[in-house]
Amino acid sequence: PLPQVEHSIYIKGVGFALLAATCQAAGMVMSKGAMNAEQIGS
């Protein structure tokens, strides 16, 4: 079982994790957008 985390710290951590997942996904999609626009070396 995972150790208990203080509620405020838990909310903050979940927020950071969601931000990380969203930003990393957005970074991949934006890279694709640039490569779709023109021929760019990887």
Full PDB file with SEQRES, HELIX, SHEET, SSBOND, CRYST1, ORIGX, SCALE, CONECT and MASTER records, all heavy atoms in Angstrom:
SEQRES   1 A   42  PRO LEU PRO GLN VAL GLU HIS SER ILE TYR ILE LYS GLY          
SEQRES   2 A   42  VAL GLY PHE ALA LEU LEU ALA ALA THR CYS GLN ALA ALA          
SEQRES   3 A   42  GLY MET VAL MET SER LYS GLY ALA MET ASN ALA GLU GLN          
SEQRES   4 A   42  ILE GLY SER                                                  
HELIX    1 AA1 HIS A    7  ALA A   37  1                                  31    
CRYST1    1.000    1.000    1.000  90.00  90.00  90.00 P 1           1          
ORIGX1      1.000000  0.000000  0.000000        0.00000                         
ORIGX2      0.000000  1.000000  0.000000        0.00000                         
ORIGX3      0.000000  0.000000  1.000000        0.00000                         
SCALE1      1.000000  0.000000  0.000000        0.00000                         
SCALE2      0.000000  1.000000  0.000000        0.00000                         
SCALE3      0.000000  0.000000  1.000000        0.00000                         
ATOM      1  N   PRO A   1       0.826  -1.211   0.000  1.00  0.00           N  
ATOM      2  CA  PRO A   1       0.000   0.000   0.000  1.00  0.00           C  
ATOM      3  C   PRO A   1       0.859   1.260   0.000  1.00  0.00           C  
ATOM      4  O   PRO A   1       1.915   1.311   0.649  1.00  0.00           O  
ATOM      5  CB  PRO A   1      -0.799  -0.128   1.307  1.00  0.00           C  
ATOM      6  CG  PRO A   1      -0.792  -1.588   1.625  1.00  0.00           C  
ATOM      7  CD  PRO A   1       0.527  -2.102   1.121  1.00  0.00           C  
ATOM      8  N   LEU A   2       0.422   2.272  -0.752  1.00  0.00           N  
ATOM      9  CA  LEU A   2       1.173   3.519  -0.819  1.00  0.00           C  
ATOM     10  C   LEU A   2       1.034   4.293   0.485  1.00  0.00           C  
ATOM     11  O   LEU A   2      -0.027   4.270   1.122  1.00  0.00           O  
ATOM     12  CB  LEU A   2       0.672   4.375  -1.986  1.00  0.00           C  
ATOM     13  CG  LEU A   2       0.902   3.815  -3.384  1.00  0.00           C  
ATOM     14  CD1 LEU A   2       0.205   4.690  -4.409  1.00  0.00           C  
ATOM     15  CD2 LEU A   2       2.389   3.714  -3.684  1.00  0.00           C  
ATOM     16  N   PRO A   3       2.083   4.999   0.905  1.00  0.00           N  
ATOM     17  CA  PRO A   3       1.991   5.795   2.134  1.00  0.00           C  
ATOM     18  C   PRO A   3       1.003   6.943   1.971  1.00  0.00           C  
ATOM     19  O   PRO A   3       0.810   7.469   0.877  1.00  0.00           O  
ATOM     20  CB  PRO A   3       3.434   6.318   2.314  1.00  0.00           C  
ATOM     21  CG  PRO A   3       4.023   6.262   0.944  1.00  0.00           C  
ATOM     22  CD  PRO A   3       3.405   5.087   0.276  1.00  0.00           C  
ATOM     23  N   GLN A   4       0.351   7.311   3.076  1.00  0.00           N  
ATOM     24  CA  GLN A   4      -0.595   8.412   3.057  1.00  0.00           C  
ATOM     25  C   GLN A   4       0.138   9.734   2.810  1.00  0.00           C  
ATOM     26  O   GLN A   4       1.256   9.937   3.283  1.00  0.00           O  
ATOM     27  CB  GLN A   4      -1.348   8.489   4.389  1.00  0.00           C  
ATOM     28  CG  GLN A   4      -2.272   7.306   4.629  1.00  0.00           C  
ATOM     29  CD  GLN A   4      -3.423   7.275   3.638  1.00  0.00           C  
ATOM     30  OE1 GLN A   4      -4.003   8.300   3.313  1.00  0.00           O  
ATOM     31  NE2 GLN A   4      -3.742   6.080   3.142  1.00  0.00           N  
ATOM     32  N   VAL A   5      -0.498  10.614   2.055  1.00  0.00           N  
ATOM     33  CA  VAL A   5       0.083  11.921   1.752  1.00  0.00           C  
ATOM     34  C   VAL A   5      -0.891  12.989   2.223  1.00  0.00           C  
ATOM     35  O   VAL A   5      -2.109  12.849   2.063  1.00  0.00           O  
ATOM     36  CB  VAL A   5       0.334  12.074   0.231  1.00  0.00           C  
ATOM     37  CG1 VAL A   5       0.893  13.458  -0.080  1.00  0.00           C  
ATOM     38  CG2 VAL A   5       1.281  10.992  -0.251  1.00  0.00           C  
ATOM     39  N   GLU A   6      -0.357  14.048   2.831  1.00  0.00           N  
ATOM     40  CA  GLU A   6      -1.192  15.171   3.267  1.00  0.00           C  
ATOM     41  C   GLU A   6      -2.024  15.684   2.091  1.00  0.00           C  
ATOM     42  O   GLU A   6      -1.536  15.767   0.962  1.00  0.00           O  
ATOM     43  CB  GLU A   6      -0.302  16.277   3.824  1.00  0.00           C  
ATOM     44  CG  GLU A   6      -1.078  17.436   4.429  1.00  0.00           C  
ATOM     45  CD  GLU A   6      -0.144  18.519   4.950  1.00  0.00           C  
ATOM     46  OE1 GLU A   6       0.992  18.175   5.320  1.00  0.00           O  
ATOM     47  OE2 GLU A   6      -0.568  19.685   4.970  1.00  0.00           O  
ATOM     48  N   HIS A   7      -3.300  16.045   2.372  1.00  0.00           N  
ATOM     49  CA  HIS A   7      -4.243  16.386   1.299  1.00  0.00           C  
ATOM     50  C   HIS A   7      -3.718  17.506   0.395  1.00  0.00           C  
ATOM     51  O   HIS A   7      -3.779  17.401  -0.840  1.00  0.00           O  
ATOM     52  CB  HIS A   7      -5.584  16.796   1.909  1.00  0.00           C  
ATOM     53  CG  HIS A   7      -6.628  17.122   0.884  1.00  0.00           C  
ATOM     54  ND1 HIS A   7      -7.216  16.167   0.077  1.00  0.00           N  
ATOM     55  CD2 HIS A   7      -7.163  18.326   0.509  1.00  0.00           C  
ATOM     56  CE1 HIS A   7      -8.086  16.749  -0.742  1.00  0.00           C  
ATOM     57  NE2 HIS A   7      -8.075  18.051  -0.487  1.00  0.00           N  
ATOM     58  N   SER A   8      -3.193  18.576   0.984  1.00  0.00           N  
ATOM     59  CA  SER A   8      -2.719  19.710   0.184  1.00  0.00           C  
ATOM     60  C   SER A   8      -1.535  19.310  -0.694  1.00  0.00           C  
ATOM     61  O   SER A   8      -1.429  19.733  -1.853  1.00  0.00           O  
ATOM     62  CB  SER A   8      -2.329  20.882   1.091  1.00  0.00           C  
ATOM     63  OG  SER A   8      -1.286  20.500   1.983  1.00  0.00           O  
ATOM     64  N   ILE A   9      -0.649  18.473  -0.142  1.00  0.00           N  
ATOM     65  CA  ILE A   9       0.508  18.011  -0.909  1.00  0.00           C  
ATOM     66  C   ILE A   9       0.053  17.073  -2.028  1.00  0.00           C  
ATOM     67  O   ILE A   9       0.567  17.121  -3.156  1.00  0.00           O  
ATOM     68  CB  ILE A   9       1.513  17.293   0.018  1.00  0.00           C  
ATOM     69  CG1 ILE A   9       2.101  18.288   1.021  1.00  0.00           C  
ATOM     70  CG2 ILE A   9       2.631  16.633  -0.798  1.00  0.00           C  
ATOM     71  CD1 ILE A   9       3.029  17.654   2.028  1.00  0.00           C  
ATOM     72  N   TYR A  10      -0.955  16.240  -1.729  1.00  0.00           N  
ATOM     73  CA  TYR A  10      -1.486  15.313  -2.720  1.00  0.00           C  
ATOM     74  C   TYR A  10      -2.094  16.073  -3.906  1.00  0.00           C  
ATOM     75  O   TYR A  10      -1.831  15.752  -5.069  1.00  0.00           O  
ATOM     76  CB  TYR A  10      -2.540  14.417  -2.069  1.00  0.00           C  
ATOM     77  CG  TYR A  10      -3.179  13.430  -3.021  1.00  0.00           C  
ATOM     78  CD1 TYR A  10      -2.525  12.256  -3.378  1.00  0.00           C  
ATOM     79  CD2 TYR A  10      -4.431  13.689  -3.567  1.00  0.00           C  
ATOM     80  CE1 TYR A  10      -3.122  11.358  -4.253  1.00  0.00           C  
ATOM     81  CE2 TYR A  10      -5.030  12.789  -4.433  1.00  0.00           C  
ATOM     82  CZ  TYR A  10      -4.359  11.627  -4.774  1.00  0.00           C  
ATOM     83  OH  TYR A  10      -4.935  10.752  -5.643  1.00  0.00           O  
ATOM     84  N   ILE A  11      -2.899  17.080  -3.603  1.00  0.00           N  
ATOM     85  CA  ILE A  11      -3.526  17.878  -4.660  1.00  0.00           C  
ATOM     86  C   ILE A  11      -2.465  18.564  -5.507  1.00  0.00           C  
ATOM     87  O   ILE A  11      -2.539  18.594  -6.750  1.00  0.00           O  
ATOM     88  CB  ILE A  11      -4.484  18.935  -4.052  1.00  0.00           C  
ATOM     89  CG1 ILE A  11      -5.651  18.243  -3.337  1.00  0.00           C  
ATOM     90  CG2 ILE A  11      -4.999  19.869  -5.141  1.00  0.00           C  
ATOM     91  CD1 ILE A  11      -6.502  17.378  -4.236  1.00  0.00           C  
ATOM     92  N   LYS A  12      -1.447  19.110  -4.830  1.00  0.00           N  
ATOM     93  CA  LYS A  12      -0.364  19.775  -5.558  1.00  0.00           C  
ATOM     94  C   LYS A  12       0.375  18.784  -6.456  1.00  0.00           C  
ATOM     95  O   LYS A  12       0.677  19.070  -7.624  1.00  0.00           O  
ATOM     96  CB  LYS A  12       0.620  20.402  -4.553  1.00  0.00           C  
ATOM     97  CG  LYS A  12       1.717  21.239  -5.208  1.00  0.00           C  
ATOM     98  CD  LYS A  12       2.833  21.563  -4.228  1.00  0.00           C  
ATOM     99  CE  LYS A  12       2.309  22.307  -3.006  1.00  0.00           C  
ATOM    100  NZ  LYS A  12       3.427  22.683  -2.088  1.00  0.00           N  
ATOM    101  N   GLY A  13       0.664  17.594  -5.924  1.00  0.00           N  
ATOM    102  CA  GLY A  13       1.382  16.585  -6.697  1.00  0.00           C  
ATOM    103  C   GLY A  13       0.595  16.105  -7.901  1.00  0.00           C  
ATOM    104  O   GLY A  13       1.147  15.933  -9.001  1.00  0.00           O  
ATOM    105  N   VAL A  14      -0.704  15.882  -7.706  1.00  0.00           N  
ATOM    106  CA  VAL A  14      -1.560  15.466  -8.827  1.00  0.00           C  
ATOM    107  C   VAL A  14      -1.586  16.557  -9.900  1.00  0.00           C  
ATOM    108  O   VAL A  14      -1.536  16.272 -11.096  1.00  0.00           O  
ATOM    109  CB  VAL A  14      -2.984  15.155  -8.335  1.00  0.00           C  
ATOM    110  CG1 VAL A  14      -3.941  14.983  -9.514  1.00  0.00           C  
ATOM    111  CG2 VAL A  14      -2.976  13.904  -7.474  1.00  0.00           C  
ATOM    112  N   GLY A  15      -1.648  17.806  -9.462  1.00  0.00           N  
ATOM    113  CA  GLY A  15      -1.633  18.917 -10.416  1.00  0.00           C  
ATOM    114  C   GLY A  15      -0.357  18.956 -11.230  1.00  0.00           C  
ATOM    115  O   GLY A  15      -0.384  19.146 -12.456  1.00  0.00           O  
ATOM    116  N   PHE A  16       0.771  18.746 -10.556  1.00  0.00           N  
ATOM    117  CA  PHE A  16       2.053  18.724 -11.262  1.00  0.00           C  
ATOM    118  C   PHE A  16       2.120  17.556 -12.248  1.00  0.00           C  
ATOM    119  O   PHE A  16       2.619  17.696 -13.368  1.00  0.00           O  
ATOM    120  CB  PHE A  16       3.212  18.630 -10.267  1.00  0.00           C  
ATOM    121  CG  PHE A  16       3.606  19.939  -9.651  1.00  0.00           C  
ATOM    122  CD1 PHE A  16       3.718  20.072  -8.266  1.00  0.00           C  
ATOM    123  CD2 PHE A  16       3.898  21.028 -10.442  1.00  0.00           C  
ATOM    124  CE1 PHE A  16       4.092  21.288  -7.696  1.00  0.00           C  
ATOM    125  CE2 PHE A  16       4.276  22.250  -9.882  1.00  0.00           C  
ATOM    126  CZ  PHE A  16       4.367  22.374  -8.504  1.00  0.00           C  
ATOM    127  N   ALA A  17       1.628  16.396 -11.839  1.00  0.00           N  
ATOM    128  CA  ALA A  17       1.667  15.220 -12.709  1.00  0.00           C  
ATOM    129  C   ALA A  17       0.789  15.421 -13.951  1.00  0.00           C  
ATOM    130  O   ALA A  17       1.173  15.054 -15.068  1.00  0.00           O  
ATOM    131  CB  ALA A  17       1.220  13.979 -11.939  1.00  0.00           C  
ATOM    132  N   LEU A  18      -0.401  16.004 -13.755  1.00  0.00           N  
ATOM    133  CA  LEU A  18      -1.273  16.299 -14.895  1.00  0.00           C  
ATOM    134  C   LEU A  18      -0.632  17.325 -15.817  1.00  0.00           C  
ATOM    135  O   LEU A  18      -0.726  17.205 -17.049  1.00  0.00           O  
ATOM    136  CB  LEU A  18      -2.625  16.811 -14.395  1.00  0.00           C  
ATOM    137  CG  LEU A  18      -3.570  15.767 -13.797  1.00  0.00           C  
ATOM    138  CD1 LEU A  18      -4.781  16.451 -13.158  1.00  0.00           C  
ATOM    139  CD2 LEU A  18      -4.029  14.782 -14.867  1.00  0.00           C  
ATOM    140  N   LEU A  19       0.013  18.329 -15.224  1.00  0.00           N  
ATOM    141  CA  LEU A  19       0.704  19.339 -16.029  1.00  0.00           C  
ATOM    142  C   LEU A  19       1.824  18.700 -16.844  1.00  0.00           C  
ATOM    143  O   LEU A  19       2.003  19.004 -18.024  1.00  0.00           O  
ATOM    144  CB  LEU A  19       1.273  20.430 -15.112  1.00  0.00           C  
ATOM    145  CG  LEU A  19       2.071  21.548 -15.802  1.00  0.00           C  
ATOM    146  CD1 LEU A  19       1.185  22.328 -16.774  1.00  0.00           C  
ATOM    147  CD2 LEU A  19       2.670  22.499 -14.758  1.00  0.00           C  
ATOM    148  N   ALA A  20       2.572  17.790 -16.208  1.00  0.00           N  
ATOM    149  CA  ALA A  20       3.660  17.107 -16.905  1.00  0.00           C  
ATOM    150  C   ALA A  20       3.138  16.289 -18.079  1.00  0.00           C  
ATOM    151  O   ALA A  20       3.665  16.360 -19.199  1.00  0.00           O  
ATOM    152  CB  ALA A  20       4.422  16.205 -15.926  1.00  0.00           C  
ATOM    153  N   ALA A  21       2.084  15.503 -17.838  1.00  0.00           N  
ATOM    154  CA  ALA A  21       1.513  14.673 -18.897  1.00  0.00           C  
ATOM    155  C   ALA A  21       0.996  15.526 -20.048  1.00  0.00           C  
ATOM    156  O   ALA A  21       1.222  15.208 -21.226  1.00  0.00           O  
ATOM    157  CB  ALA A  21       0.393  13.808 -18.334  1.00  0.00           C  
ATOM    158  N   THR A  22       0.326  16.625 -19.718  1.00  0.00           N  
ATOM    159  CA  THR A  22      -0.230  17.497 -20.752  1.00  0.00           C  
ATOM    160  C   THR A  22       0.862  18.186 -21.555  1.00  0.00           C  
ATOM    161  O   THR A  22       0.799  18.248 -22.791  1.00  0.00           O  
ATOM    162  CB  THR A  22      -1.149  18.557 -20.112  1.00  0.00           C  
ATOM    163  OG1 THR A  22      -2.176  17.904 -19.377  1.00  0.00           O  
ATOM    164  CG2 THR A  22      -1.778  19.442 -21.172  1.00  0.00           C  
ATOM    165  N   CYS A  23       1.875  18.705 -20.855  1.00  0.00           N  
ATOM    166  CA  CYS A  23       2.958  19.423 -21.551  1.00  0.00           C  
ATOM    167  C   CYS A  23       3.786  18.481 -22.423  1.00  0.00           C  
ATOM    168  O   CYS A  23       4.176  18.846 -23.543  1.00  0.00           O  
ATOM    169  CB  CYS A  23       3.867  20.117 -20.533  1.00  0.00           C  
ATOM    170  SG  CYS A  23       3.122  21.582 -19.780  1.00  0.00           S  
ATOM    171  N   GLN A  24       4.056  17.282 -21.941  1.00  0.00           N  
ATOM    172  CA  GLN A  24       4.830  16.335 -22.747  1.00  0.00           C  
ATOM    173  C   GLN A  24       4.046  15.902 -23.981  1.00  0.00           C  
ATOM    174  O   GLN A  24       4.599  15.778 -25.077  1.00  0.00           O  
ATOM    175  CB  GLN A  24       5.225  15.141 -21.885  1.00  0.00           C  
ATOM    176  CG  GLN A  24       6.299  15.491 -20.852  1.00  0.00           C  
ATOM    177  CD  GLN A  24       6.457  14.443 -19.764  1.00  0.00           C  
ATOM    178  OE1 GLN A  24       5.805  13.396 -19.793  1.00  0.00           O  
ATOM    179  NE2 GLN A  24       7.308  14.717 -18.794  1.00  0.00           N  
ATOM    180  N   ALA A  25       2.742  15.688 -23.818  1.00  0.00           N  
ATOM    181  CA  ALA A  25       1.900  15.333 -24.965  1.00  0.00           C  
ATOM    182  C   ALA A  25       1.821  16.490 -25.953  1.00  0.00           C  
ATOM    183  O   ALA A  25       1.941  16.301 -27.174  1.00  0.00           O  
ATOM    184  CB  ALA A  25       0.503  14.950 -24.483  1.00  0.00           C  
ATOM    185  N   ALA A  26       1.653  17.697 -25.424  1.00  0.00           N  
ATOM    186  CA  ALA A  26       1.577  18.878 -26.291  1.00  0.00           C  
ATOM    187  C   ALA A  26       2.888  19.084 -27.039  1.00  0.00           C  
ATOM    188  O   ALA A  26       2.885  19.468 -28.222  1.00  0.00           O  
ATOM    189  CB  ALA A  26       1.248  20.116 -25.451  1.00  0.00           C  
ATOM    190  N   GLY A  27       4.001  18.823 -26.371  1.00  0.00           N  
ATOM    191  CA  GLY A  27       5.298  18.963 -27.029  1.00  0.00           C  
ATOM    192  C   GLY A  27       5.441  18.041 -28.223  1.00  0.00           C  
ATOM    193  O   GLY A  27       5.937  18.433 -29.289  1.00  0.00           O  
ATOM    194  N   MET A  28       4.966  16.802 -28.078  1.00  0.00           N  
ATOM    195  CA  MET A  28       5.027  15.851 -29.187  1.00  0.00           C  
ATOM    196  C   MET A  28       4.141  16.293 -30.354  1.00  0.00           C  
ATOM    197  O   MET A  28       4.538  16.247 -31.517  1.00  0.00           O  
ATOM    198  CB  MET A  28       4.594  14.466 -28.704  1.00  0.00           C  
ATOM    199  CG  MET A  28       5.571  13.753 -27.785  1.00  0.00           C  
ATOM    200  SD  MET A  28       7.117  13.270 -28.613  1.00  0.00           S  
ATOM    201  CE  MET A  28       8.199  14.609 -28.076  1.00  0.00           C  
ATOM    202  N   VAL A  29       2.924  16.734 -30.029  1.00  0.00           N  
ATOM    203  CA  VAL A  29       1.984  17.140 -31.075  1.00  0.00           C  
ATOM    204  C   VAL A  29       2.493  18.383 -31.803  1.00  0.00           C  
ATOM    205  O   VAL A  29       2.386  18.491 -33.034  1.00  0.00           O  
ATOM    206  CB  VAL A  29       0.587  17.391 -30.480  1.00  0.00           C  
ATOM    207  CG1 VAL A  29      -0.364  17.946 -31.532  1.00  0.00           C  
ATOM    208  CG2 VAL A  29       0.016  16.101 -29.902  1.00  0.00           C  
ATOM    209  N   MET A  30       3.064  19.345 -31.076  1.00  0.00           N  
ATOM    210  CA  MET A  30       3.588  20.557 -31.700  1.00  0.00           C  
ATOM    211  C   MET A  30       4.787  20.248 -32.589  1.00  0.00           C  
ATOM    212  O   MET A  30       4.959  20.867 -33.646  1.00  0.00           O  
ATOM    213  CB  MET A  30       3.969  21.582 -30.629  1.00  0.00           C  
ATOM    214  CG  MET A  30       2.773  22.218 -29.958  1.00  0.00           C  
ATOM    215  SD  MET A  30       3.246  23.488 -28.775  1.00  0.00           S  
ATOM    216  CE  MET A  30       1.645  24.235 -28.461  1.00  0.00           C  
ATOM    217  N   SER A  31       5.610  19.296 -32.171  1.00  0.00           N  
ATOM    218  CA  SER A  31       6.731  18.876 -33.024  1.00  0.00           C  
ATOM    219  C   SER A  31       6.201  18.312 -34.338  1.00  0.00           C  
ATOM    220  O   SER A  31       6.739  18.577 -35.410  1.00  0.00           O  
ATOM    221  CB  SER A  31       7.580  17.822 -32.303  1.00  0.00           C  
ATOM    222  OG  SER A  31       8.146  18.346 -31.124  1.00  0.00           O  
ATOM    223  N   LYS A  32       5.131  17.521 -34.245  1.00  0.00           N  
ATOM    224  CA  LYS A  32       4.492  16.971 -35.442  1.00  0.00           C  
ATOM    225  C   LYS A  32       3.946  18.092 -36.317  1.00  0.00           C  
ATOM    226  O   LYS A  32       4.040  18.033 -37.552  1.00  0.00           O  
ATOM    227  CB  LYS A  32       3.366  16.025 -35.028  1.00  0.00           C  
ATOM    228  CG  LYS A  32       2.648  15.349 -36.191  1.00  0.00           C  
ATOM    229  CD  LYS A  32       3.518  14.330 -36.881  1.00  0.00           C  
ATOM    230  CE  LYS A  32       2.731  13.509 -37.885  1.00  0.00           C  
ATOM    231  NZ  LYS A  32       3.569  12.481 -38.546  1.00  0.00           N  
ATOM    232  N   GLY A  33       3.367  19.129 -35.686  1.00  0.00           N  
ATOM    233  CA  GLY A  33       2.837  20.256 -36.440  1.00  0.00           C  
ATOM    234  C   GLY A  33       3.908  20.949 -37.259  1.00  0.00           C  
ATOM    235  O   GLY A  33       3.679  21.317 -38.416  1.00  0.00           O  
ATOM    236  N   ALA A  34       5.094  21.116 -36.665  1.00  0.00           N  
ATOM    237  CA  ALA A  34       6.197  21.750 -37.394  1.00  0.00           C  
ATOM    238  C   ALA A  34       6.635  20.894 -38.576  1.00  0.00           C  
ATOM    239  O   ALA A  34       6.885  21.397 -39.677  1.00  0.00           O  
ATOM    240  CB  ALA A  34       7.371  21.990 -36.447  1.00  0.00           C  
ATOM    241  N   MET A  35       6.718  19.584 -38.368  1.00  0.00           N  
ATOM    242  CA  MET A  35       7.173  18.692 -39.423  1.00  0.00           C  
ATOM    243  C   MET A  35       6.129  18.508 -40.523  1.00  0.00           C  
ATOM    244  O   MET A  35       6.471  18.183 -41.651  1.00  0.00           O  
ATOM    245  CB  MET A  35       7.558  17.339 -38.818  1.00  0.00           C  
ATOM    246  CG  MET A  35       8.762  17.425 -37.917  1.00  0.00           C  
ATOM    247  SD  MET A  35       9.250  15.816 -37.254  1.00  0.00           S  
ATOM    248  CE  MET A  35      10.642  16.306 -36.245  1.00  0.00           C  
ATOM    249  N   ASN A  36       4.849  18.729 -40.173  1.00  0.00           N  
ATOM    250  CA  ASN A  36       3.806  18.670 -41.190  1.00  0.00           C  
ATOM    251  C   ASN A  36       3.841  19.900 -42.087  1.00  0.00           C  
ATOM    252  O   ASN A  36       3.442  19.845 -43.256  1.00  0.00           O  
ATOM    253  CB  ASN A  36       2.420  18.570 -40.534  1.00  0.00           C  
ATOM    254  CG  ASN A  36       2.113  17.174 -40.030  1.00  0.00           C  
ATOM    255  OD1 ASN A  36       2.828  16.226 -40.326  1.00  0.00           O  
ATOM    256  ND2 ASN A  36       1.063  17.045 -39.239  1.00  0.00           N  
ATOM    257  N   ALA A  37       4.290  21.018 -41.522  1.00  0.00           N  
ATOM    258  CA  ALA A  37       4.271  22.283 -42.266  1.00  0.00           C  
ATOM    259  C   ALA A  37       5.309  22.319 -43.384  1.00  0.00           C  
ATOM    260  O   ALA A  37       5.084  22.931 -44.431  1.00  0.00           O  
ATOM    261  CB  ALA A  37       4.493  23.452 -41.308  1.00  0.00           C  
ATOM    262  N   GLU A  38       6.446  21.675 -43.171  1.00  0.00           N  
ATOM    263  CA  GLU A  38       7.514  21.675 -44.173  1.00  0.00           C  
ATOM    264  C   GLU A  38       8.474  20.522 -43.893  1.00  0.00           C  
ATOM    265  O   GLU A  38       8.403  19.867 -42.857  1.00  0.00           O  
ATOM    266  CB  GLU A  38       8.272  22.998 -44.164  1.00  0.00           C  
ATOM    267  CG  GLU A  38       8.936  23.318 -42.824  1.00  0.00           C  
ATOM    268  CD  GLU A  38       9.752  24.598 -42.865  1.00  0.00           C  
ATOM    269  OE1 GLU A  38      10.528  24.758 -43.830  1.00  0.00           O  
ATOM    270  OE2 GLU A  38       9.623  25.416 -41.934  1.00  0.00           O  
ATOM    271  N   GLN A  39       9.385  20.302 -44.821  1.00  0.00           N  
ATOM    272  CA  GLN A  39      10.384  19.247 -44.672  1.00  0.00           C  
ATOM    273  C   GLN A  39      11.487  19.734 -43.739  1.00  0.00           C  
ATOM    274  O   GLN A  39      12.220  20.668 -44.064  1.00  0.00           O  
ATOM    275  CB  GLN A  39      10.971  18.880 -46.049  1.00  0.00           C  
ATOM    276  CG  GLN A  39      11.925  17.690 -46.036  1.00  0.00           C  
ATOM    277  CD  GLN A  39      11.216  16.388 -45.679  1.00  0.00           C  
ATOM    278  OE1 GLN A  39      10.041  16.220 -45.950  1.00  0.00           O  
ATOM    279  NE2 GLN A  39      11.941  15.473 -45.076  1.00  0.00           N  
ATOM    280  N   ILE A  40      11.592  19.110 -42.570  1.00  0.00           N  
ATOM    281  CA  ILE A  40      12.602  19.490 -41.577  1.00  0.00           C  
ATOM    282  C   ILE A  40      13.380  18.253 -41.179  1.00  0.00           C  
ATOM    283  O   ILE A  40      12.799  17.187 -40.961  1.00  0.00           O  
ATOM    284  CB  ILE A  40      11.950  20.093 -40.310  1.00  0.00           C  
ATOM    285  CG1 ILE A  40      11.063  21.285 -40.668  1.00  0.00           C  
ATOM    286  CG2 ILE A  40      13.014  20.521 -39.298  1.00  0.00           C  
ATOM    287  CD1 ILE A  40      10.247  21.802 -39.501  1.00  0.00           C  
ATOM    288  N   GLY A  41      14.693  18.381 -41.075  1.00  0.00           N  
ATOM    289  CA  GLY A  41      15.509  17.277 -40.595  1.00  0.00           C  
ATOM    290  C   GLY A  41      15.156  16.961 -39.148  1.00  0.00           C  
ATOM    291  O   GLY A  41      15.003  17.862 -38.325  1.00  0.00           O  
ATOM    292  N   SER A  42      15.040  15.679 -38.827  1.00  0.00           N  
ATOM    293  CA  SER A  42      14.666  15.280 -37.462  1.00  0.00           C  
ATOM    294  C   SER A  42      15.681  15.762 -36.441  1.00  0.00           C  
ATOM    295  O   SER A  42      15.319  16.139 -35.317  1.00  0.00           O  
ATOM    296  CB  SER A  42      14.529  13.755 -37.392  1.00  0.00           C  
ATOM    297  OG  SER A  42      13.526  13.302 -38.249  1.00  0.00           O  
TER     298      SER A  42                                                      
MASTER        0    0    0    1    0    0    0    6  297    1    0    4          
END                                                                             
